[in-house]
PDB file of all heavy atoms in Angstrom:
ATOM      1  N   GLY A   1       4.289 -26.499   4.867  1.00  0.00           N
ATOM      2  CA  GLY A   1       2.992 -27.114   5.064  1.00  0.00           C
ATOM      3  C   GLY A   1       2.656 -28.260   4.134  1.00  0.00           C
ATOM      4  O   GLY A   1       1.618 -28.911   4.310  1.00  0.00           O
ATOM      5  N   GLY A   2       3.487 -28.535   3.148  1.00  0.00           N
ATOM      6  CA  GLY A   2       3.225 -29.649   2.249  1.00  0.00           C
ATOM      7  C   GLY A   2       3.402 -30.981   2.946  1.00  0.00           C
ATOM      8  O   GLY A   2       3.970 -31.067   4.038  1.00  0.00           O
ATOM      9  N   GLY A   3       2.912 -32.038   2.299  1.00  0.00           N
ATOM     10  CA  GLY A   3       3.040 -33.366   2.872  1.00  0.00           C
ATOM     11  C   GLY A   3       2.098 -34.356   2.240  1.00  0.00           C
ATOM     12  O   GLY A   3       1.539 -34.117   1.169  1.00  0.00           O
ATOM     13  N   LEU A   4       1.912 -35.485   2.927  1.00  0.00           N
ATOM     14  CA  LEU A   4       1.058 -36.575   2.481  1.00  0.00           C
ATOM     15  C   LEU A   4      -0.240 -36.565   3.266  1.00  0.00           C
ATOM     16  O   LEU A   4      -0.223 -36.487   4.505  1.00  0.00           O
ATOM     17  CB  LEU A   4       1.775 -37.906   2.667  1.00  0.00           C
ATOM     18  CG  LEU A   4       0.985 -39.173   2.361  1.00  0.00           C
ATOM     19  CD1 LEU A   4       0.620 -39.234   0.879  1.00  0.00           C
ATOM     20  CD2 LEU A   4       1.786 -40.395   2.768  1.00  0.00           C
ATOM     21  N   VAL A   5      -1.371 -36.661   2.556  1.00  0.00           N
ATOM     22  CA  VAL A   5      -2.670 -36.660   3.207  1.00  0.00           C
ATOM     23  C   VAL A   5      -3.602 -37.609   2.455  1.00  0.00           C
ATOM     24  O   VAL A   5      -3.452 -37.811   1.253  1.00  0.00           O
ATOM     25  CB  VAL A   5      -3.261 -35.231   3.257  1.00  0.00           C
ATOM     26  CG1 VAL A   5      -3.539 -34.708   1.854  1.00  0.00           C
ATOM     27  CG2 VAL A   5      -4.511 -35.174   4.113  1.00  0.00           C
ATOM     28  N   GLN A   6      -4.558 -38.206   3.169  1.00  0.00           N
ATOM     29  CA  GLN A   6      -5.519 -39.102   2.551  1.00  0.00           C
ATOM     30  C   GLN A   6      -6.628 -38.328   1.847  1.00  0.00           C
ATOM     31  O   GLN A   6      -6.913 -37.183   2.209  1.00  0.00           O
ATOM     32  CB  GLN A   6      -6.128 -40.031   3.597  1.00  0.00           C
ATOM     33  CG  GLN A   6      -5.131 -41.008   4.206  1.00  0.00           C
ATOM     34  CD  GLN A   6      -5.786 -41.969   5.171  1.00  0.00           C
ATOM     35  OE1 GLN A   6      -6.893 -41.722   5.652  1.00  0.00           O
ATOM     36  NE2 GLN A   6      -5.100 -43.060   5.458  1.00  0.00           N
ATOM     37  N   PRO A   7      -7.264 -38.926   0.834  1.00  0.00           N
ATOM     38  CA  PRO A   7      -8.395 -38.262   0.187  1.00  0.00           C
ATOM     39  C   PRO A   7      -9.458 -37.862   1.202  1.00  0.00           C
ATOM     40  O   PRO A   7      -9.779 -38.624   2.116  1.00  0.00           O
ATOM     41  CB  PRO A   7      -8.920 -39.322  -0.789  1.00  0.00           C
ATOM     42  CG  PRO A   7      -7.722 -40.161  -1.096  1.00  0.00           C
ATOM     43  CD  PRO A   7      -6.938 -40.208   0.185  1.00  0.00           C
ATOM     44  N   GLY A   8      -9.999 -36.649   1.037  1.00  0.00           N
ATOM     45  CA  GLY A   8     -10.956 -36.112   1.975  1.00  0.00           C
ATOM     46  C   GLY A   8     -10.348 -35.349   3.130  1.00  0.00           C
ATOM     47  O   GLY A   8     -11.070 -34.681   3.881  1.00  0.00           O
ATOM     48  N   GLY A   9      -9.045 -35.427   3.268  1.00  0.00           N
ATOM     49  CA  GLY A   9      -8.359 -34.751   4.344  1.00  0.00           C
ATOM     50  C   GLY A   9      -8.084 -33.294   4.039  1.00  0.00           C
ATOM     51  O   GLY A   9      -8.463 -32.759   3.006  1.00  0.00           O
ATOM     52  N   SER A  10      -7.378 -32.646   4.976  1.00  0.00           N
ATOM     53  CA  SER A  10      -7.078 -31.225   4.874  1.00  0.00           C
ATOM     54  C   SER A  10      -5.595 -30.968   5.045  1.00  0.00           C
ATOM     55  O   SER A  10      -4.879 -31.735   5.689  1.00  0.00           O
ATOM     56  CB  SER A  10      -7.851 -30.429   5.932  1.00  0.00           C
ATOM     57  OG  SER A  10      -9.246 -30.532   5.750  1.00  0.00           O
ATOM     58  N   LEU A  11      -5.151 -29.862   4.478  1.00  0.00           N
ATOM     59  CA  LEU A  11      -3.765 -29.443   4.577  1.00  0.00           C
ATOM     60  C   LEU A  11      -3.721 -27.932   4.430  1.00  0.00           C
ATOM     61  O   LEU A  11      -4.516 -27.359   3.672  1.00  0.00           O
ATOM     62  CB  LEU A  11      -2.931 -30.115   3.490  1.00  0.00           C
ATOM     63  CG  LEU A  11      -1.431 -30.307   3.700  1.00  0.00           C
ATOM     64  CD1 LEU A  11      -1.168 -31.182   4.917  1.00  0.00           C
ATOM     65  CD2 LEU A  11      -0.815 -30.941   2.460  1.00  0.00           C
ATOM     66  N   SER A  12      -2.801 -27.285   5.133  1.00  0.00           N
ATOM     67  CA  SER A  12      -2.654 -25.838   5.052  1.00  0.00           C
ATOM     68  C   SER A  12      -1.235 -25.482   4.623  1.00  0.00           C
ATOM     69  O   SER A  12      -0.269 -25.924   5.240  1.00  0.00           O
ATOM     70  CB  SER A  12      -2.967 -25.192   6.406  1.00  0.00           C
ATOM     71  OG  SER A  12      -2.863 -23.784   6.333  1.00  0.00           O
ATOM     72  N   LEU A  13      -1.120 -24.691   3.561  1.00  0.00           N
ATOM     73  CA  LEU A  13       0.163 -24.224   3.066  1.00  0.00           C
ATOM     74  C   LEU A  13       0.369 -22.765   3.456  1.00  0.00           C
ATOM     75  O   LEU A  13      -0.561 -21.964   3.383  1.00  0.00           O
ATOM     76  CB  LEU A  13       0.238 -24.339   1.547  1.00  0.00           C
ATOM     77  CG  LEU A  13      -0.041 -25.713   0.933  1.00  0.00           C
ATOM     78  CD1 LEU A  13       0.126 -25.636  -0.584  1.00  0.00           C
ATOM     79  CD2 LEU A  13       0.869 -26.770   1.521  1.00  0.00           C
ATOM     80  N   SER A  14       1.596 -22.424   3.837  1.00  0.00           N
ATOM     81  CA  SER A  14       1.931 -21.053   4.197  1.00  0.00           C
ATOM     82  C   SER A  14       3.138 -20.593   3.395  1.00  0.00           C
ATOM     83  O   SER A  14       4.005 -21.386   3.031  1.00  0.00           O
ATOM     84  CB  SER A  14       2.230 -20.936   5.693  1.00  0.00           C
ATOM     85  OG  SER A  14       1.084 -21.205   6.464  1.00  0.00           O
ATOM     86  N   CYS A  15       3.197 -19.280   3.147  1.00  0.00           N
ATOM     87  CA  CYS A  15       4.305 -18.677   2.419  1.00  0.00           C
ATOM     88  C   CYS A  15       4.608 -17.331   3.036  1.00  0.00           C
ATOM     89  O   CYS A  15       3.716 -16.496   3.190  1.00  0.00           O
ATOM     90  CB  CYS A  15       3.944 -18.521   0.943  1.00  0.00           C
ATOM     91  SG  CYS A  15       5.167 -17.625  -0.048  1.00  0.00           S
ATOM     92  N   ALA A  16       5.877 -17.108   3.382  1.00  0.00           N
ATOM     93  CA  ALA A  16       6.317 -15.852   3.968  1.00  0.00           C
ATOM     94  C   ALA A  16       7.346 -15.183   3.068  1.00  0.00           C
ATOM     95  O   ALA A  16       8.337 -15.806   2.684  1.00  0.00           O
ATOM     96  CB  ALA A  16       6.911 -16.097   5.349  1.00  0.00           C
ATOM     97  N   ALA A  17       7.112 -13.917   2.736  1.00  0.00           N
ATOM     98  CA  ALA A  17       8.044 -13.142   1.930  1.00  0.00           C
ATOM     99  C   ALA A  17       8.963 -12.324   2.830  1.00  0.00           C
ATOM    100  O   ALA A  17       8.513 -11.735   3.808  1.00  0.00           O
ATOM    101  CB  ALA A  17       7.290 -12.207   0.986  1.00  0.00           C
ATOM    102  N   SER A  18      10.247 -12.305   2.491  1.00  0.00           N
ATOM    103  CA  SER A  18      11.216 -11.535   3.262  1.00  0.00           C
ATOM    104  C   SER A  18      12.218 -10.876   2.321  1.00  0.00           C
ATOM    105  O   SER A  18      12.400 -11.309   1.193  1.00  0.00           O
ATOM    106  CB  SER A  18      11.943 -12.411   4.277  1.00  0.00           C
ATOM    107  OG  SER A  18      12.668 -13.437   3.633  1.00  0.00           O
ATOM    108  N   GLY A  19      12.889  -9.824   2.805  1.00  0.00           N
ATOM    109  CA  GLY A  19      13.873  -9.109   2.011  1.00  0.00           C
ATOM    110  C   GLY A  19      13.511  -7.646   1.858  1.00  0.00           C
ATOM    111  O   GLY A  19      12.835  -7.069   2.709  1.00  0.00           O
ATOM    112  N   THR A  20      13.977  -7.037   0.763  1.00  0.00           N
ATOM    113  CA  THR A  20      13.728  -5.626   0.503  1.00  0.00           C
ATOM    114  C   THR A  20      12.356  -5.467  -0.148  1.00  0.00           C
ATOM    115  O   THR A  20      12.190  -5.700  -1.345  1.00  0.00           O
ATOM    116  CB  THR A  20      14.815  -5.030  -0.391  1.00  0.00           C
ATOM    117  OG1 THR A  20      16.096  -5.233   0.209  1.00  0.00           O
ATOM    118  CG2 THR A  20      14.595  -3.540  -0.580  1.00  0.00           C
ATOM    119  N   ILE A  21      11.377  -5.057   0.650  1.00  0.00           N
ATOM    120  CA  ILE A  21       9.982  -4.988   0.203  1.00  0.00           C
ATOM    121  C   ILE A  21       9.388  -3.650   0.606  1.00  0.00           C
ATOM    122  O   ILE A  21       9.380  -3.299   1.785  1.00  0.00           O
ATOM    123  CB  ILE A  21       9.150  -6.131   0.813  1.00  0.00           C
ATOM    124  CG1 ILE A  21       9.693  -7.494   0.388  1.00  0.00           C
ATOM    125  CG2 ILE A  21       7.681  -5.984   0.401  1.00  0.00           C
ATOM    126  CD1 ILE A  21       9.063  -8.652   1.124  1.00  0.00           C
ATOM    127  N   LEU A  22       8.879  -2.919  -0.378  1.00  0.00           N
ATOM    128  CA  LEU A  22       8.094  -1.727  -0.093  1.00  0.00           C
ATOM    129  C   LEU A  22       6.661  -2.147   0.226  1.00  0.00           C
ATOM    130  O   LEU A  22       6.116  -1.783   1.269  1.00  0.00           O
ATOM    131  CB  LEU A  22       8.135  -0.751  -1.259  1.00  0.00           C
ATOM    132  CG  LEU A  22       7.362   0.558  -1.073  1.00  0.00           C
ATOM    133  CD1 LEU A  22       7.930   1.342   0.093  1.00  0.00           C
ATOM    134  CD2 LEU A  22       7.397   1.391  -2.352  1.00  0.00           C
ATOM    135  N   PHE A  23       6.064  -2.907  -0.672  1.00  0.00           N
ATOM    136  CA  PHE A  23       4.779  -3.536  -0.422  1.00  0.00           C
ATOM    137  C   PHE A  23       4.560  -4.611  -1.471  1.00  0.00           C
ATOM    138  O   PHE A  23       5.255  -4.665  -2.485  1.00  0.00           O
ATOM    139  CB  PHE A  23       3.620  -2.519  -0.420  1.00  0.00           C
ATOM    140  CG  PHE A  23       3.287  -1.952  -1.768  1.00  0.00           C
ATOM    141  CD1 PHE A  23       2.293  -2.516  -2.557  1.00  0.00           C
ATOM    142  CD2 PHE A  23       3.948  -0.834  -2.248  1.00  0.00           C
ATOM    143  CE1 PHE A  23       1.978  -1.976  -3.792  1.00  0.00           C
ATOM    144  CE2 PHE A  23       3.645  -0.299  -3.480  1.00  0.00           C
ATOM    145  CZ  PHE A  23       2.654  -0.876  -4.247  1.00  0.00           C
ATOM    146  N   ILE A  24       3.596  -5.474  -1.210  1.00  0.00           N
ATOM    147  CA  ILE A  24       3.246  -6.550  -2.124  1.00  0.00           C
ATOM    148  C   ILE A  24       1.831  -6.339  -2.613  1.00  0.00           C
ATOM    149  O   ILE A  24       0.912  -6.153  -1.812  1.00  0.00           O
ATOM    150  CB  ILE A  24       3.370  -7.923  -1.447  1.00  0.00           C
ATOM    151  CG1 ILE A  24       4.792  -8.129  -0.927  1.00  0.00           C
ATOM    152  CG2 ILE A  24       2.984  -9.031  -2.421  1.00  0.00           C
ATOM    153  CD1 ILE A  24       4.981  -9.416  -0.149  1.00  0.00           C
ATOM    154  N   ASN A  25       1.657  -6.354  -3.937  1.00  0.00           N
ATOM    155  CA  ASN A  25       0.325  -6.243  -4.507  1.00  0.00           C
ATOM    156  C   ASN A  25      -0.399  -7.590  -4.356  1.00  0.00           C
ATOM    157  O   ASN A  25      -0.827  -7.951  -3.266  1.00  0.00           O
ATOM    158  CB  ASN A  25       0.407  -5.792  -5.969  1.00  0.00           C
ATOM    159  CG  ASN A  25      -0.955  -5.467  -6.554  1.00  0.00           C
ATOM    160  OD1 ASN A  25      -1.950  -5.363  -5.837  1.00  0.00           O
ATOM    161  ND2 ASN A  25      -1.009  -5.304  -7.866  1.00  0.00           N
ATOM    162  N   ALA A  26      -0.492  -8.350  -5.431  1.00  0.00           N
ATOM    163  CA  ALA A  26      -1.179  -9.636  -5.363  1.00  0.00           C
ATOM    164  C   ALA A  26      -0.238 -10.737  -4.900  1.00  0.00           C
ATOM    165  O   ALA A  26       0.972 -10.698  -5.141  1.00  0.00           O
ATOM    166  CB  ALA A  26      -1.780  -9.987  -6.720  1.00  0.00           C
ATOM    167  N   MET A  27      -0.792 -11.740  -4.246  1.00  0.00           N
ATOM    168  CA  MET A  27      -0.095 -12.960  -3.901  1.00  0.00           C
ATOM    169  C   MET A  27      -0.961 -14.138  -4.355  1.00  0.00           C
ATOM    170  O   MET A  27      -2.174 -13.984  -4.521  1.00  0.00           O
ATOM    171  CB  MET A  27       0.179 -13.059  -2.401  1.00  0.00           C
ATOM    172  CG  MET A  27       0.976 -11.901  -1.845  1.00  0.00           C
ATOM    173  SD  MET A  27       1.417 -12.116  -0.095  1.00  0.00           S
ATOM    174  CE  MET A  27       2.794 -13.262  -0.247  1.00  0.00           C
ATOM    175  N   GLY A  28      -0.332 -15.287  -4.536  1.00  0.00           N
ATOM    176  CA  GLY A  28      -1.112 -16.416  -4.983  1.00  0.00           C
ATOM    177  C   GLY A  28      -0.387 -17.738  -4.867  1.00  0.00           C
ATOM    178  O   GLY A  28       0.761 -17.809  -4.435  1.00  0.00           O
ATOM    179  N   TRP A  29      -1.108 -18.778  -5.251  1.00  0.00           N
ATOM    180  CA  TRP A  29      -0.582 -20.136  -5.280  1.00  0.00           C
ATOM    181  C   TRP A  29      -0.814 -20.743  -6.650  1.00  0.00           C
ATOM    182  O   TRP A  29      -1.905 -20.610  -7.219  1.00  0.00           O
ATOM    183  CB  TRP A  29      -1.245 -21.015  -4.218  1.00  0.00           C
ATOM    184  CG  TRP A  29      -0.840 -20.685  -2.819  1.00  0.00           C
ATOM    185  CD1 TRP A  29      -1.465 -19.848  -1.956  1.00  0.00           C
ATOM    186  CD2 TRP A  29       0.298 -21.202  -2.128  1.00  0.00           C
ATOM    187  NE1 TRP A  29      -0.792 -19.803  -0.762  1.00  0.00           N
ATOM    188  CE2 TRP A  29       0.290 -20.626  -0.836  1.00  0.00           C
ATOM    189  CE3 TRP A  29       1.318 -22.096  -2.468  1.00  0.00           C
ATOM    190  CZ2 TRP A  29       1.271 -20.915   0.106  1.00  0.00           C
ATOM    191  CZ3 TRP A  29       2.287 -22.379  -1.521  1.00  0.00           C
ATOM    192  CH2 TRP A  29       2.261 -21.787  -0.256  1.00  0.00           C
ATOM    193  N   TYR A  30       0.209 -21.403  -7.168  1.00  0.00           N
ATOM    194  CA  TYR A  30       0.141 -22.175  -8.401  1.00  0.00           C
ATOM    195  C   TYR A  30       0.514 -23.614  -8.085  1.00  0.00           C
ATOM    196  O   TYR A  30       1.097 -23.895  -7.034  1.00  0.00           O
ATOM    197  CB  TYR A  30       1.096 -21.615  -9.456  1.00  0.00           C
ATOM    198  CG  TYR A  30       0.721 -20.254 -10.006  1.00  0.00           C
ATOM    199  CD1 TYR A  30       0.754 -19.116  -9.205  1.00  0.00           C
ATOM    200  CD2 TYR A  30       0.345 -20.113 -11.341  1.00  0.00           C
ATOM    201  CE1 TYR A  30       0.422 -17.876  -9.717  1.00  0.00           C
ATOM    202  CE2 TYR A  30       0.016 -18.869 -11.855  1.00  0.00           C
ATOM    203  CZ  TYR A  30       0.054 -17.762 -11.046  1.00  0.00           C
ATOM    204  OH  TYR A  30      -0.269 -16.524 -11.562  1.00  0.00           O
TER     205      TYR A  30
END
């Protein structure tokens, strides 16, 4: 979802976790 956008515009980032997972507590963006 990253890219180039003009000031005042909008963008949506997505993240999908895969692999050996029992469960996920917190998730976040840095």
